[in-house]
Amino acid sequence: MQTEKLKVTGMTCGGCSHRVGSALKEINGVNSVSVSLGTGEATVDFDEKVTSLDHLKLAVQHAGYGIESTTTSLNPKGKGGCCG
């Protein structure tokens, strides 16, 4: 399991964050999605053997939003904190 934090651009309302979340949830291999309008971020837990970061980015873009940056591999493969 892998967690990625995507910086999404163009979200201006609750409907926007809902559309981004729905687009990400439709991807096979995505386990959970949390979208914050306030921070402009989408946090996605997914199986890296089934889908990829590029696929997540494309889903956001196809929903009509941009990707500014990503924070890669928060808790990669279930490891936690600074001690892994």
PDB file of N, CA and C in Angstrom:
ATOM      1  N   MET A   1       0.838  -1.174   0.000  1.00  0.00           N
ATOM      2  CA  MET A   1       0.000   0.000   0.000  1.00  0.00           C
ATOM      3  C   MET A   1       0.888   1.245   0.000  1.00  0.00           C
ATOM      4  N   GLN A   2       0.455   2.251  -0.698  1.00  0.00           N
ATOM      5  CA  GLN A   2       1.202   3.497  -0.790  1.00  0.00           C
ATOM      6  C   GLN A   2       0.239   4.661  -0.573  1.00  0.00           C
ATOM      7  N   THR A   3       0.733   5.727   0.011  1.00  0.00           N
ATOM      8  CA  THR A   3      -0.059   6.939   0.206  1.00  0.00           C
ATOM      9  C   THR A   3       0.625   8.088  -0.496  1.00  0.00           C
ATOM     10  N   GLU A   4      -0.151   8.822  -1.278  1.00  0.00           N
ATOM     11  CA  GLU A   4       0.358  10.005  -1.972  1.00  0.00           C
ATOM     12  C   GLU A   4      -0.518  11.192  -1.613  1.00  0.00           C
ATOM     13  N   LYS A   5       0.106  12.336  -1.474  1.00  0.00           N
ATOM     14  CA  LYS A   5      -0.607  13.587  -1.234  1.00  0.00           C
ATOM     15  C   LYS A   5      -0.457  14.430  -2.493  1.00  0.00           C
ATOM     16  N   LEU A   6      -1.586  14.706  -3.154  1.00  0.00           N
ATOM     17  CA  LEU A   6      -1.582  15.461  -4.398  1.00  0.00           C
ATOM     18  C   LEU A   6      -2.024  16.890  -4.131  1.00  0.00           C
ATOM     19  N   LYS A   7      -1.284  17.866  -4.625  1.00  0.00           N
ATOM     20  CA  LYS A   7      -1.662  19.277  -4.530  1.00  0.00           C
ATOM     21  C   LYS A   7      -2.505  19.577  -5.769  1.00  0.00           C
ATOM     22  N   VAL A   8      -3.822  19.744  -5.556  1.00  0.00           N
ATOM     23  CA  VAL A   8      -4.770  19.928  -6.650  1.00  0.00           C
ATOM     24  C   VAL A   8      -5.059  21.415  -6.817  1.00  0.00           C
ATOM     25  N   THR A   9      -5.002  21.884  -8.053  1.00  0.00           N
ATOM     26  CA  THR A   9      -5.293  23.285  -8.336  1.00  0.00           C
ATOM     27  C   THR A   9      -6.656  23.403  -9.018  1.00  0.00           C
ATOM     28  N   GLY A  10      -7.305  24.532  -8.790  1.00  0.00           N
ATOM     29  CA  GLY A  10      -8.569  24.815  -9.456  1.00  0.00           C
ATOM     30  C   GLY A  10      -9.815  24.475  -8.661  1.00  0.00           C
ATOM     31  N   MET A  11      -9.666  23.904  -7.468  1.00  0.00           N
ATOM     32  CA  MET A  11     -10.841  23.594  -6.646  1.00  0.00           C
ATOM     33  C   MET A  11     -11.299  24.875  -5.952  1.00  0.00           C
ATOM     34  N   THR A  12     -12.587  25.206  -6.106  1.00  0.00           N
ATOM     35  CA  THR A  12     -13.105  26.436  -5.513  1.00  0.00           C
ATOM     36  C   THR A  12     -14.304  26.231  -4.599  1.00  0.00           C
ATOM     37  N   CYS A  13     -14.844  25.005  -4.567  1.00  0.00           N
ATOM     38  CA  CYS A  13     -16.033  24.768  -3.743  1.00  0.00           C
ATOM     39  C   CYS A  13     -16.105  23.297  -3.351  1.00  0.00           C
ATOM     40  N   GLY A  14     -17.097  22.983  -2.526  1.00  0.00           N
ATOM     41  CA  GLY A  14     -17.296  21.607  -2.090  1.00  0.00           C
ATOM     42  C   GLY A  14     -17.584  20.668  -3.240  1.00  0.00           C
ATOM     43  N   GLY A  15     -18.263  21.165  -4.261  1.00  0.00           N
ATOM     44  CA  GLY A  15     -18.538  20.340  -5.440  1.00  0.00           C
ATOM     45  C   GLY A  15     -17.262  19.941  -6.154  1.00  0.00           C
ATOM     46  N   CYS A  16     -16.320  20.861  -6.197  1.00  0.00           N
ATOM     47  CA  CYS A  16     -15.022  20.574  -6.824  1.00  0.00           C
ATOM     48  C   CYS A  16     -14.304  19.445  -6.078  1.00  0.00           C
ATOM     49  N   SER A  17     -14.231  19.568  -4.768  1.00  0.00           N
ATOM     50  CA  SER A  17     -13.528  18.543  -3.995  1.00  0.00           C
ATOM     51  C   SER A  17     -14.241  17.199  -4.113  1.00  0.00           C
ATOM     52  N   HIS A  18     -15.571  17.233  -4.216  1.00  0.00           N
ATOM     53  CA  HIS A  18     -16.326  15.992  -4.401  1.00  0.00           C
ATOM     54  C   HIS A  18     -15.982  15.354  -5.750  1.00  0.00           C
ATOM     55  N   ARG A  19     -15.900  16.159  -6.811  1.00  0.00           N
ATOM     56  CA  ARG A  19     -15.572  15.630  -8.144  1.00  0.00           C
ATOM     57  C   ARG A  19     -14.170  15.029  -8.167  1.00  0.00           C
ATOM     58  N   VAL A  20     -13.234  15.694  -7.526  1.00  0.00           N
ATOM     59  CA  VAL A  20     -11.865  15.165  -7.466  1.00  0.00           C
ATOM     60  C   VAL A  20     -11.864  13.827  -6.717  1.00  0.00           C
ATOM     61  N   GLY A  21     -12.525  13.784  -5.573  1.00  0.00           N
ATOM     62  CA  GLY A  21     -12.591  12.547  -4.792  1.00  0.00           C
ATOM     63  C   GLY A  21     -13.254  11.423  -5.568  1.00  0.00           C
ATOM     64  N   SER A  22     -14.342  11.725  -6.244  1.00  0.00           N
ATOM     65  CA  SER A  22     -15.054  10.705  -7.028  1.00  0.00           C
ATOM     66  C   SER A  22     -14.187  10.173  -8.159  1.00  0.00           C
ATOM     67  N   ALA A  23     -13.469  11.066  -8.840  1.00  0.00           N
ATOM     68  CA  ALA A  23     -12.601  10.635  -9.937  1.00  0.00           C
ATOM     69  C   ALA A  23     -11.510   9.692  -9.435  1.00  0.00           C
ATOM     70  N   LEU A  24     -10.949   9.991  -8.272  1.00  0.00           N
ATOM     71  CA  LEU A  24      -9.895   9.148  -7.713  1.00  0.00           C
ATOM     72  C   LEU A  24     -10.442   7.818  -7.201  1.00  0.00           C
ATOM     73  N   LYS A  25     -11.617   7.843  -6.599  1.00  0.00           N
ATOM     74  CA  LYS A  25     -12.214   6.620  -6.055  1.00  0.00           C
ATOM     75  C   LYS A  25     -12.589   5.622  -7.144  1.00  0.00           C
ATOM     76  N   GLU A  26     -12.810   6.101  -8.366  1.00  0.00           N
ATOM     77  CA  GLU A  26     -13.179   5.218  -9.470  1.00  0.00           C
ATOM     78  C   GLU A  26     -12.016   4.376  -9.976  1.00  0.00           C
ATOM     79  N   ILE A  27     -10.802   4.726  -9.597  1.00  0.00           N
ATOM     80  CA  ILE A  27      -9.622   4.019 -10.083  1.00  0.00           C
ATOM     81  C   ILE A  27      -9.469   2.690  -9.350  1.00  0.00           C
ATOM     82  N   ASN A  28      -9.315   1.633 -10.108  1.00  0.00           N
ATOM     83  CA  ASN A  28      -9.086   0.314  -9.540  1.00  0.00           C
ATOM     84  C   ASN A  28      -7.772   0.325  -8.761  1.00  0.00           C
ATOM     85  N   GLY A  29      -7.800  -0.144  -7.537  1.00  0.00           N
ATOM     86  CA  GLY A  29      -6.613  -0.176  -6.689  1.00  0.00           C
ATOM     87  C   GLY A  29      -6.578   0.926  -5.645  1.00  0.00           C
ATOM     88  N   VAL A  30      -7.481   1.913  -5.754  1.00  0.00           N
ATOM     89  CA  VAL A  30      -7.536   2.986  -4.767  1.00  0.00           C
ATOM     90  C   VAL A  30      -8.370   2.508  -3.580  1.00  0.00           C
ATOM     91  N   ASN A  31      -7.792   2.565  -2.394  1.00  0.00           N
ATOM     92  CA  ASN A  31      -8.480   2.109  -1.184  1.00  0.00           C
ATOM     93  C   ASN A  31      -9.230   3.220  -0.487  1.00  0.00           C
ATOM     94  N   SER A  32      -8.629   4.409  -0.412  1.00  0.00           N
ATOM     95  CA  SER A  32      -9.310   5.524   0.243  1.00  0.00           C
ATOM     96  C   SER A  32      -8.795   6.842  -0.317  1.00  0.00           C
ATOM     97  N   VAL A  33      -9.684   7.837  -0.233  1.00  0.00           N
ATOM     98  CA  VAL A  33      -9.371   9.179  -0.722  1.00  0.00           C
ATOM     99  C   VAL A  33      -9.911  10.187   0.283  1.00  0.00           C
ATOM    100  N   SER A  34      -9.112  11.194   0.581  1.00  0.00           N
ATOM    101  CA  SER A  34      -9.544  12.303   1.409  1.00  0.00           C
ATOM    102  C   SER A  34      -9.143  13.588   0.696  1.00  0.00           C
ATOM    103  N   VAL A  35     -10.133  14.434   0.393  1.00  0.00           N
ATOM    104  CA  VAL A  35      -9.858  15.687  -0.312  1.00  0.00           C
ATOM    105  C   VAL A  35     -10.186  16.851   0.611  1.00  0.00           C
ATOM    106  N   SER A  36      -9.243  17.777   0.741  1.00  0.00           N
ATOM    107  CA  SER A  36      -9.429  18.965   1.568  1.00  0.00           C
ATOM    108  C   SER A  36      -9.454  20.201   0.681  1.00  0.00           C
ATOM    109  N   LEU A  37     -10.597  20.848   0.631  1.00  0.00           N
ATOM    110  CA  LEU A  37     -10.711  22.090  -0.121  1.00  0.00           C
ATOM    111  C   LEU A  37      -9.817  23.167   0.501  1.00  0.00           C
ATOM    112  N   GLY A  38      -9.752  23.204   1.827  1.00  0.00           N
ATOM    113  CA  GLY A  38      -8.970  24.216   2.537  1.00  0.00           C
ATOM    114  C   GLY A  38      -7.488  24.188   2.201  1.00  0.00           C
ATOM    115  N   THR A  39      -6.922  22.996   2.119  1.00  0.00           N
ATOM    116  CA  THR A  39      -5.490  22.883   1.812  1.00  0.00           C
ATOM    117  C   THR A  39      -5.239  22.644   0.333  1.00  0.00           C
ATOM    118  N   GLY A  40      -6.302  22.306  -0.408  1.00  0.00           N
ATOM    119  CA  GLY A  40      -6.151  22.006  -1.825  1.00  0.00           C
ATOM    120  C   GLY A  40      -5.415  20.710  -2.072  1.00  0.00           C
ATOM    121  N   GLU A  41      -5.576  19.765  -1.147  1.00  0.00           N
ATOM    122  CA  GLU A  41      -4.852  18.500  -1.261  1.00  0.00           C
ATOM    123  C   GLU A  41      -5.801  17.305  -1.285  1.00  0.00           C
ATOM    124  N   ALA A  42      -5.363  16.302  -2.014  1.00  0.00           N
ATOM    125  CA  ALA A  42      -6.046  15.011  -2.018  1.00  0.00           C
ATOM    126  C   ALA A  42      -5.046  13.970  -1.531  1.00  0.00           C
ATOM    127  N   THR A  43      -5.407  13.253  -0.492  1.00  0.00           N
ATOM    128  CA  THR A  43      -4.567  12.181   0.026  1.00  0.00           C
ATOM    129  C   THR A  43      -5.173  10.871  -0.426  1.00  0.00           C
ATOM    130  N   VAL A  44      -4.357  10.050  -1.096  1.00  0.00           N
ATOM    131  CA  VAL A  44      -4.860   8.832  -1.717  1.00  0.00           C
ATOM    132  C   VAL A  44      -4.049   7.632  -1.228  1.00  0.00           C
ATOM    133  N   ASP A  45      -4.745   6.634  -0.689  1.00  0.00           N
ATOM    134  CA  ASP A  45      -4.133   5.346  -0.346  1.00  0.00           C
ATOM    135  C   ASP A  45      -4.464   4.382  -1.472  1.00  0.00           C
ATOM    136  N   PHE A  46      -3.425   3.779  -2.057  1.00  0.00           N
ATOM    137  CA  PHE A  46      -3.661   2.902  -3.197  1.00  0.00           C
ATOM    138  C   PHE A  46      -2.636   1.777  -3.248  1.00  0.00           C
ATOM    139  N   ASP A  47      -2.990   0.744  -4.002  1.00  0.00           N
ATOM    140  CA  ASP A  47      -2.113  -0.400  -4.208  1.00  0.00           C
ATOM    141  C   ASP A  47      -1.245  -0.106  -5.424  1.00  0.00           C
ATOM    142  N   GLU A  48       0.035   0.108  -5.206  1.00  0.00           N
ATOM    143  CA  GLU A  48       0.946   0.466  -6.287  1.00  0.00           C
ATOM    144  C   GLU A  48       1.163  -0.660  -7.288  1.00  0.00           C
ATOM    145  N   LYS A  49       0.705  -1.869  -6.966  1.00  0.00           N
ATOM    146  CA  LYS A  49       0.782  -2.986  -7.904  1.00  0.00           C
ATOM    147  C   LYS A  49      -0.386  -2.957  -8.889  1.00  0.00           C
ATOM    148  N   VAL A  50      -1.426  -2.182  -8.569  1.00  0.00           N
ATOM    149  CA  VAL A  50      -2.624  -2.121  -9.394  1.00  0.00           C
ATOM    150  C   VAL A  50      -2.709  -0.823 -10.191  1.00  0.00           C
ATOM    151  N   THR A  51      -2.270   0.277  -9.594  1.00  0.00           N
ATOM    152  CA  THR A  51      -2.331   1.583 -10.264  1.00  0.00           C
ATOM    153  C   THR A  51      -1.073   2.374  -9.944  1.00  0.00           C
ATOM    154  N   SER A  52      -0.964   3.560 -10.515  1.00  0.00           N
ATOM    155  CA  SER A  52       0.259   4.351 -10.347  1.00  0.00           C
ATOM    156  C   SER A  52      -0.071   5.804 -10.035  1.00  0.00           C
ATOM    157  N   LEU A  53       0.950   6.520  -9.601  1.00  0.00           N
ATOM    158  CA  LEU A  53       0.806   7.945  -9.341  1.00  0.00           C
ATOM    159  C   LEU A  53       0.397   8.675 -10.619  1.00  0.00           C
ATOM    160  N   ASP A  54       0.958   8.290 -11.742  1.00  0.00           N
ATOM    161  CA  ASP A  54       0.596   8.927 -13.012  1.00  0.00           C
ATOM    162  C   ASP A  54      -0.883   8.742 -13.322  1.00  0.00           C
ATOM    163  N   HIS A  55      -1.421   7.571 -13.021  1.00  0.00           N
ATOM    164  CA  HIS A  55      -2.849   7.310 -13.247  1.00  0.00           C
ATOM    165  C   HIS A  55      -3.699   8.195 -12.342  1.00  0.00           C
ATOM    166  N   LEU A  56      -3.280   8.389 -11.109  1.00  0.00           N
ATOM    167  CA  LEU A  56      -4.003   9.272 -10.192  1.00  0.00           C
ATOM    168  C   LEU A  56      -4.011  10.701 -10.726  1.00  0.00           C
ATOM    169  N   LYS A  57      -2.861  11.172 -11.185  1.00  0.00           N
ATOM    170  CA  LYS A  57      -2.759  12.526 -11.723  1.00  0.00           C
ATOM    171  C   LYS A  57      -3.657  12.705 -12.938  1.00  0.00           C
ATOM    172  N   LEU A  58      -3.675  11.712 -13.817  1.00  0.00           N
ATOM    173  CA  LEU A  58      -4.523  11.787 -15.013  1.00  0.00           C
ATOM    174  C   LEU A  58      -5.993  11.860 -14.649  1.00  0.00           C
ATOM    175  N   ALA A  59      -6.405  11.123 -13.636  1.00  0.00           N
ATOM    176  CA  ALA A  59      -7.811  11.142 -13.212  1.00  0.00           C
ATOM    177  C   ALA A  59      -8.204  12.530 -12.733  1.00  0.00           C
ATOM    178  N   VAL A  60      -7.322  13.181 -11.985  1.00  0.00           N
ATOM    179  CA  VAL A  60      -7.595  14.540 -11.503  1.00  0.00           C
ATOM    180  C   VAL A  60      -7.679  15.500 -12.690  1.00  0.00           C
ATOM    181  N   GLN A  61      -6.775  15.366 -13.621  1.00  0.00           N
ATOM    182  CA  GLN A  61      -6.761  16.240 -14.790  1.00  0.00           C
ATOM    183  C   GLN A  61      -7.994  16.016 -15.666  1.00  0.00           C
ATOM    184  N   HIS A  62      -8.402  14.765 -15.850  1.00  0.00           N
ATOM    185  CA  HIS A  62      -9.600  14.473 -16.638  1.00  0.00           C
ATOM    186  C   HIS A  62     -10.864  14.995 -15.959  1.00  0.00           C
ATOM    187  N   ALA A  63     -10.827  15.158 -14.641  1.00  0.00           N
ATOM    188  CA  ALA A  63     -11.962  15.722 -13.911  1.00  0.00           C
ATOM    189  C   ALA A  63     -11.995  17.252 -14.063  1.00  0.00           C
ATOM    190  N   GLY A  64     -10.951  17.834 -14.670  1.00  0.00           N
ATOM    191  CA  GLY A  64     -10.932  19.269 -14.935  1.00  0.00           C
ATOM    192  C   GLY A  64     -10.075  20.096 -14.005  1.00  0.00           C
ATOM    193  N   TYR A  65      -9.174  19.453 -13.266  1.00  0.00           N
ATOM    194  CA  TYR A  65      -8.345  20.158 -12.295  1.00  0.00           C
ATOM    195  C   TYR A  65      -6.877  19.912 -12.600  1.00  0.00           C
ATOM    196  N   GLY A  66      -6.019  20.712 -11.985  1.00  0.00           N
ATOM    197  CA  GLY A  66      -4.588  20.580 -12.211  1.00  0.00           C
ATOM    198  C   GLY A  66      -3.878  19.951 -11.026  1.00  0.00           C
ATOM    199  N   ILE A  67      -2.658  19.547 -11.274  1.00  0.00           N
ATOM    200  CA  ILE A  67      -1.789  19.003 -10.232  1.00  0.00           C
ATOM    201  C   ILE A  67      -0.578  19.913 -10.152  1.00  0.00           C
ATOM    202  N   GLU A  68      -0.388  20.533  -8.996  1.00  0.00           N
ATOM    203  CA  GLU A  68       0.752  21.429  -8.798  1.00  0.00           C
ATOM    204  C   GLU A  68       1.994  20.643  -8.410  1.00  0.00           C
ATOM    205  N   SER A  69       1.838  19.712  -7.481  1.00  0.00           N
ATOM    206  CA  SER A  69       2.970  18.930  -7.002  1.00  0.00           C
ATOM    207  C   SER A  69       2.455  17.730  -6.226  1.00  0.00           C
ATOM    208  N   THR A  70       3.361  16.862  -5.865  1.00  0.00           N
ATOM    209  CA  THR A  70       3.002  15.710  -5.037  1.00  0.00           C
ATOM    210  C   THR A  70       4.014  15.559  -3.924  1.00  0.00           C
ATOM    211  N   THR A  71       3.578  14.978  -2.846  1.00  0.00           N
ATOM    212  CA  THR A  71       4.464  14.565  -1.776  1.00  0.00           C
ATOM    213  C   THR A  71       4.467  13.056  -1.830  1.00  0.00           C
ATOM    214  N   THR A  72       5.572  12.490  -2.224  1.00  0.00           N
ATOM    215  CA  THR A  72       5.626  11.071  -2.557  1.00  0.00           C
ATOM    216  C   THR A  72       5.803  10.195  -1.329  1.00  0.00           C
ATOM    217  N   SER A  73       5.117   9.086  -1.374  1.00  0.00           N
ATOM    218  CA  SER A  73       5.321   7.961  -0.485  1.00  0.00           C
ATOM    219  C   SER A  73       5.256   8.301   0.995  1.00  0.00           C
ATOM    220  N   LEU A  74       4.110   8.772   1.443  1.00  0.00           N
ATOM    221  CA  LEU A  74       3.869   8.906   2.868  1.00  0.00           C
ATOM    222  C   LEU A  74       3.523   7.507   3.363  1.00  0.00           C
ATOM    223  N   ASN A  75       4.264   7.002   4.302  1.00  0.00           N
ATOM    224  CA  ASN A  75       4.071   5.639   4.801  1.00  0.00           C
ATOM    225  C   ASN A  75       4.100   4.606   3.679  1.00  0.00           C
ATOM    226  N   PRO A  76       5.174   4.531   2.886  1.00  0.00           N
ATOM    227  CA  PRO A  76       5.216   3.558   1.810  1.00  0.00           C
ATOM    228  C   PRO A  76       5.145   2.136   2.342  1.00  0.00           C
ATOM    229  N   LYS A  77       4.400   1.312   1.673  1.00  0.00           N
ATOM    230  CA  LYS A  77       4.268  -0.115   1.990  1.00  0.00           C
ATOM    231  C   LYS A  77       3.968  -0.364   3.443  1.00  0.00           C
ATOM    232  N   GLY A  78       3.149   0.522   4.034  1.00  0.00           N
ATOM    233  CA  GLY A  78       2.666   0.310   5.391  1.00  0.00           C
ATOM    234  C   GLY A  78       3.648   0.666   6.485  1.00  0.00           C
ATOM    235  N   LYS A  79       4.829   1.154   6.140  1.00  0.00           N
ATOM    236  CA  LYS A  79       5.789   1.540   7.162  1.00  0.00           C
ATOM    237  C   LYS A  79       5.345   2.856   7.784  1.00  0.00           C
ATOM    238  N   GLY A  80       5.617   3.040   9.047  1.00  0.00           N
ATOM    239  CA  GLY A  80       5.111   4.233   9.710  1.00  0.00           C
ATOM    240  C   GLY A  80       6.190   5.080  10.336  1.00  0.00           C
ATOM    241  N   GLY A  81       5.945   6.372  10.372  1.00  0.00           N
ATOM    242  CA  GLY A  81       6.795   7.303  11.098  1.00  0.00           C
ATOM    243  C   GLY A  81       8.229   7.349  10.616  1.00  0.00           C
ATOM    244  N   CYS A  82       9.096   7.893  11.455  1.00  0.00           N
ATOM    245  CA  CYS A  82      10.500   8.058  11.082  1.00  0.00           C
ATOM    246  C   CYS A  82      11.296   6.770  11.223  1.00  0.00           C
ATOM    247  N   CYS A  83      10.742   5.787  11.899  1.00  0.00           N
ATOM    248  CA  CYS A  83      11.504   4.572  12.180  1.00  0.00           C
ATOM    249  C   CYS A  83      11.194   3.439  11.211  1.00  0.00           C
ATOM    250  N   GLY A  84      10.226   3.646  10.324  1.00  0.00           N
ATOM    251  CA  GLY A  84       9.890   2.664   9.295  1.00  0.00           C
ATOM    252  C   GLY A  84       9.316   1.442   9.857  1.00  0.00           C
TER     253      GLY A  84
END
